[in-house]
Protein backbone atom coordinates (compact mmCIF):
# COMPACT_ATOMS: atom_id res chain seq x y z
CA MET A 1 150.11 33.66 123.98
CA ASN A 2 151.72 31.98 120.92
CA GLY A 3 154.69 30.80 122.95
CA ARG A 4 155.23 34.15 124.69
CA ARG A 5 155.91 34.05 128.41
CA LEU A 6 155.16 36.93 130.76
CA LEU A 7 158.26 38.08 132.66
CA THR A 8 158.21 38.52 136.41
CA LEU A 9 159.46 41.77 137.93
CA ASP A 10 162.57 39.95 139.19
CA GLU A 11 163.32 38.81 135.64
CA ILE A 12 162.81 42.33 134.30
CA HIS A 13 165.30 43.59 136.87
CA LYS A 14 167.80 40.89 135.92
CA TYR A 15 167.80 41.67 132.21
CA GLU A 16 167.83 45.43 132.72
CA LEU A 17 170.78 45.00 135.06
CA ASP A 18 172.60 43.02 132.35
CA MET A 19 172.14 45.95 129.96
CA LEU A 20 173.37 48.37 132.62
CA LYS A 21 176.50 46.30 133.24
CA THR A 22 177.38 46.31 129.55
CA PHE A 23 176.68 50.03 129.27
CA VAL A 24 178.91 50.79 132.27
CA ASN A 25 181.70 48.67 130.75
CA VAL A 26 181.43 50.59 127.48
CA CYS A 27 181.54 53.94 129.29
CA GLU A 28 184.59 52.91 131.29
CA ALA A 29 186.37 51.63 128.18
CA LYS A 30 185.57 54.78 126.19
CA LYS A 31 186.06 57.14 129.17
CA LEU A 32 182.51 58.49 129.00
CA ARG A 33 180.79 60.16 131.95
CA TYR A 34 177.42 58.85 133.13
CA TYR A 35 175.29 59.09 136.29
CA LEU A 36 172.35 57.19 137.73
CA ALA A 37 169.27 59.42 137.60
CA GLY A 38 165.74 59.78 138.96
CA GLY A 39 164.21 56.69 140.52
CA THR A 40 167.27 54.59 139.66
CA LEU A 41 169.50 56.84 141.77
CA LEU A 42 166.87 56.89 144.51
CA GLY A 43 166.83 53.09 144.44
CA ALA A 44 170.62 52.92 144.70
CA VAL A 45 170.72 55.26 147.73
CA ARG A 46 167.65 53.92 149.55
CA HIS A 47 167.65 50.23 148.53
CA LYS A 48 171.16 49.66 147.10
CA GLY A 49 169.42 48.60 143.90
CA PHE A 50 166.04 48.79 142.24
CA ILE A 51 163.13 50.38 144.03
CA PRO A 52 161.28 47.07 144.69
CA TRP A 53 158.25 47.98 142.55
CA ASP A 54 160.13 49.92 139.85
CA ASP A 55 160.70 48.46 136.39
CA ASP A 56 163.13 50.72 134.54
CA ILE A 57 166.61 52.25 134.64
CA ASP A 58 167.46 55.91 133.92
CA ILE A 59 170.94 57.21 133.14
CA LEU A 60 172.06 60.80 132.54
CA MET A 61 175.12 61.62 130.41
CA PRO A 62 176.65 65.08 129.89
CA ARG A 63 175.73 66.16 126.35
CA PRO A 64 179.32 65.84 124.97
CA ASP A 65 179.60 62.26 126.31
CA TYR A 66 176.05 61.43 125.24
CA MET A 67 176.81 62.46 121.66
CA LYS A 68 179.96 60.34 121.65
CA PHE A 69 177.97 57.36 122.92
CA VAL A 70 175.18 57.56 120.34
CA ARG A 71 177.76 57.82 117.53
CA LEU A 72 179.65 54.67 118.56
CA ASP A 73 179.47 51.49 116.50
CA HIS A 74 177.23 49.68 118.98
CA SER A 75 177.30 46.41 117.02
CA GLU A 76 180.95 46.00 118.06
CA LEU A 77 180.28 46.78 121.73
CA PHE A 78 177.04 45.00 122.58
CA GLU A 79 175.79 41.45 122.15
CA LYS A 80 173.65 40.63 119.10
CA HIS A 81 170.37 40.73 121.00
CA ILE A 82 171.07 44.30 122.20
CA SER A 83 170.22 47.26 120.00
CA VAL A 84 170.73 50.99 120.58
CA SER A 85 168.23 53.51 119.20
CA SER A 86 168.25 57.29 119.53
CA TYR A 87 166.71 60.50 118.29
CA GLU A 88 170.09 61.37 116.77
CA ALA A 89 170.16 58.13 114.75
CA GLY A 90 166.61 58.78 113.54
CA ASN A 91 165.26 55.44 114.80
CA LEU A 92 163.58 56.48 118.06
CA ASN A 93 160.52 58.68 118.67
CA TYR A 94 161.94 60.06 121.91
CA PRO A 95 164.39 63.00 122.29
CA PHE A 96 167.08 60.74 123.78
CA CYS A 97 168.49 57.19 123.56
CA LYS A 98 167.27 53.74 124.56
CA ILE A 99 169.16 50.47 124.82
CA PHE A 100 166.88 47.54 123.94
CA ASP A 101 167.04 43.81 124.66
CA THR A 102 165.29 42.50 121.55
CA ARG A 103 164.55 39.09 123.13
CA PHE A 104 161.73 40.69 125.14
CA SER A 105 158.71 42.54 123.77
CA ILE A 106 156.53 45.04 125.61
CA ASP A 107 152.80 45.62 125.67
CA LYS A 108 151.95 49.07 127.03
CA GLU A 109 148.38 49.45 128.16
CA TYR A 110 147.72 53.09 127.24
CA CYS A 111 150.16 53.89 124.44
CA TYR A 112 152.03 52.47 121.47
CA ASP A 113 155.13 53.51 119.58
CA GLU A 114 156.58 51.56 116.67
CA THR A 115 160.16 52.42 117.72
CA GLU A 116 159.73 51.11 121.28
CA LYS A 117 158.92 47.40 121.14
CA HIS A 118 161.41 45.81 123.52
CA LEU A 119 162.65 45.85 127.12
CA TRP A 120 164.86 48.91 127.57
CA ILE A 121 166.96 51.21 129.70
CA ASP A 122 166.96 54.99 129.11
CA ILE A 123 170.10 57.01 128.32
CA LEU A 124 169.29 60.71 128.70
CA PRO A 125 171.35 63.79 127.81
CA LEU A 126 172.36 66.21 130.54
CA ASP A 127 172.22 69.71 129.04
CA GLY A 128 173.24 73.24 129.85
CA LEU A 129 170.84 75.68 131.54
CA PRO A 130 170.76 79.48 131.93
CA ASP A 131 171.69 81.12 135.24
CA SER A 132 168.34 82.85 135.64
CA GLU A 133 165.76 80.89 137.65
CA LYS A 134 163.02 82.50 135.57
CA GLU A 135 164.63 81.34 132.32
CA ILE A 136 165.15 77.83 133.75
CA LYS A 137 161.43 77.62 134.54
CA THR A 138 160.65 78.74 130.99
CA VAL A 139 162.88 76.07 129.46
CA PHE A 140 161.31 73.28 131.49
CA ARG A 141 157.77 74.60 130.99
CA LYS A 142 158.24 74.50 127.21
CA SER A 143 159.84 71.05 127.42
CA LEU A 144 157.07 69.62 129.61
CA ILE A 145 154.33 70.92 127.27
CA ALA A 146 156.07 69.46 124.22
CA ARG A 147 156.61 66.14 125.99
CA ARG A 148 152.91 65.96 126.92
CA MET A 149 152.11 66.47 123.25
CA LEU A 150 154.53 63.70 122.35
CA LYS A 151 152.81 61.43 124.88
CA ILE A 152 149.40 62.22 123.38
CA SER A 153 150.73 61.39 119.90
CA ARG A 154 151.39 57.80 120.97
CA ALA A 155 148.21 57.39 123.05
CA THR A 156 146.04 54.31 122.41
CA LEU A 157 142.52 55.37 121.54
CA GLY A 158 139.71 53.80 123.56
CA LYS A 159 141.85 53.33 126.66
CA GLY A 160 142.60 55.55 129.66
CA THR A 161 142.81 55.58 133.44
CA THR A 162 139.56 57.60 133.61
CA ARG A 163 136.58 58.12 131.31
CA LEU A 164 137.57 61.75 130.78
CA LYS A 165 141.10 60.81 129.70
CA THR A 166 139.76 58.11 127.41
CA ALA A 167 137.35 60.53 125.75
CA SER A 168 139.82 63.42 125.51
CA LYS A 169 142.26 61.34 123.46
CA TYR A 170 139.83 61.38 120.52
CA VAL A 171 140.08 65.19 120.45
CA LEU A 172 143.70 65.76 121.47
CA LYS A 173 145.48 63.08 119.43
CA PRO A 174 144.27 64.28 115.99
CA ALA A 175 145.18 67.86 116.95
CA VAL A 176 148.70 66.85 118.01
CA ASN A 177 149.12 64.70 114.91
CA LEU A 178 148.50 67.78 112.77
CA ILE A 179 151.63 69.30 114.29
CA GLY A 180 153.52 66.05 113.76
CA ARG A 181 155.75 63.96 115.98
CA LYS A 182 158.94 64.85 114.09
CA ARG A 183 158.32 68.55 114.56
CA ILE A 184 157.71 68.09 118.31
CA LEU A 185 160.88 66.02 118.70
CA LYS A 186 162.89 68.61 116.79
CA TYR A 187 161.51 71.36 119.05
CA ILE A 188 162.47 69.49 122.25
CA ASN A 189 165.94 68.78 120.91
CA ARG A 190 166.38 72.45 120.03
CA LEU A 191 165.42 73.39 123.60
CA CYS A 192 167.99 70.94 124.94
CA LEU A 193 170.78 72.37 122.80
CA LYS A 194 169.99 76.06 123.31
CA TYR A 195 172.58 76.51 126.09
CA ASP A 196 176.04 75.10 125.51
CA PHE A 197 176.87 72.47 128.14
CA ASP A 198 180.55 73.39 128.49
CA ARG A 199 179.84 77.10 128.98
CA CYS A 200 176.98 76.81 131.48
CA GLY A 201 177.25 76.86 135.27
CA LYS A 202 173.95 74.97 135.66
CA ILE A 203 172.86 71.71 134.04
CA GLY A 204 169.79 69.49 133.99
CA GLY A 205 167.90 66.76 132.18
CA ILE A 206 165.66 68.83 129.90
CA ALA A 207 164.71 66.03 127.50
CA MET A 208 162.92 63.95 130.14
CA GLY A 209 163.36 65.73 133.47
CA TYR A 210 160.87 66.38 136.28
CA GLY A 211 161.01 70.15 135.94
CA PRO A 212 163.02 73.18 137.18
CA GLN A 213 163.97 71.27 140.33
CA GLU A 214 166.29 69.22 138.09
CA ALA A 215 168.63 72.21 137.68
CA MET A 216 171.94 71.56 139.44
CA PRO A 217 175.24 73.47 139.78
CA LYS A 218 177.57 71.78 137.31
CA SER A 219 180.59 72.05 139.62
CA LYS A 220 178.77 70.09 142.34
CA TYR A 221 177.09 67.58 140.04
CA LEU A 222 179.84 66.36 137.73
CA PRO A 223 182.40 64.97 140.19
CA ALA A 224 181.26 61.34 140.34
CA VAL A 225 180.90 59.27 143.49
CA ASN A 226 180.37 55.52 143.57
CA VAL A 227 177.12 54.01 144.78
CA GLU A 228 176.01 50.40 144.93
CA PHE A 229 173.29 49.17 142.60
CA GLU A 230 172.41 45.48 142.84
CA GLY A 231 176.03 44.64 143.70
CA LEU A 232 177.40 46.83 140.90
CA SER A 233 179.53 49.89 141.65
CA VAL A 234 178.20 52.75 139.50
CA ASN A 235 178.45 56.52 139.21
CA ALA A 236 176.23 59.05 140.94
CA PRO A 237 176.53 62.86 141.01
CA MET A 238 178.50 64.20 143.96
CA CYS A 239 175.45 66.25 145.01
CA TYR A 240 173.09 63.24 144.94
CA ASP A 241 171.60 64.11 148.36
CA PHE A 242 170.72 67.64 147.19
CA TYR A 243 169.42 66.24 143.86
CA LEU A 244 167.18 63.64 145.51
CA LYS A 245 165.80 66.11 148.04
CA ARG A 246 164.91 68.50 145.22
CA LEU A 247 163.08 65.73 143.34
CA TYR A 248 161.51 63.70 146.15
CA GLY A 249 161.74 65.66 149.42
CA ASP A 250 162.32 63.24 152.33
CA TYR A 251 163.45 60.56 149.90
CA MET A 252 164.43 57.94 152.49
CA GLN A 253 160.78 57.59 153.51
CA LEU A 254 158.78 55.04 151.53
CA PRO A 255 155.70 56.36 149.70
CA PRO A 256 152.19 55.15 150.62
CA GLU A 257 151.45 51.62 149.41
CA GLU A 258 148.96 52.82 146.79
CA LYS A 259 151.78 54.72 145.09
CA ARG A 260 154.14 51.75 144.94
CA VAL A 261 153.27 50.81 141.38
CA ALA A 262 155.18 49.97 138.21
CA HIS A 263 154.45 51.23 134.70
CA PRO A 264 151.17 49.99 133.18
CA MET A 265 152.74 47.46 130.81
CA ARG A 266 153.57 43.79 130.39
CA ILE A 267 156.87 42.36 129.15
CA PHE A 268 157.13 39.03 127.37
CA ALA A 269 159.93 36.62 126.52
CA ASP A 270 159.53 35.82 122.84
CA LYS A 271 159.95 32.13 122.12
């Protein structure tokens, strides 16, 4: 292992929580809006912290606040071992932002990306959506297709959860690479910015959302309520119950044991 030590899930949670605490402090100091999202919000409501088998943190920020955050001088706000990368800064191959703890490196089993080498938390933009349900479905359909292409572009050849997936990568990855990762990222970002956040009545996480069920009325989403997350008081959307039901159905019920799995990756402490 050359001096590298594999982190336990408890350790992963600890260091991700440290990043979250610093991020929350920065947002409070700079008066930036943020909200727990996806499985992180589900964990806060159901477990008052991490879902026990989960290994990441997701945050949504309204686009105006997100842009202010990515343009900050992060070297003055975070410790030296913390770095902030984003699509906007041109140093991340995702259409959003990640906060990294550079003391810990990751080894993903089925994919690789040269801009994602360390333990992270995700900071995602919350963008405007059209009023029409049909148009909302179109926006998310286009986003989901482009994101699948982005995922294929970073796929590790020779590996896959099934033989078919392993074999298909040899055909799909070269085809996607002809289009180019930068072009795909630019397309997703253009989708995200199509509808002005401040003028829209509906909002959602287009850049990395689940789908049309992410669309929420802005007036019911933006007023923040406090929820507990591992002893930390953090922001959640006022309509968190509606949001979680849309994403997960009866979200207070635990999933079957075979679905209680973390991401297929290992995280190491670098000596």
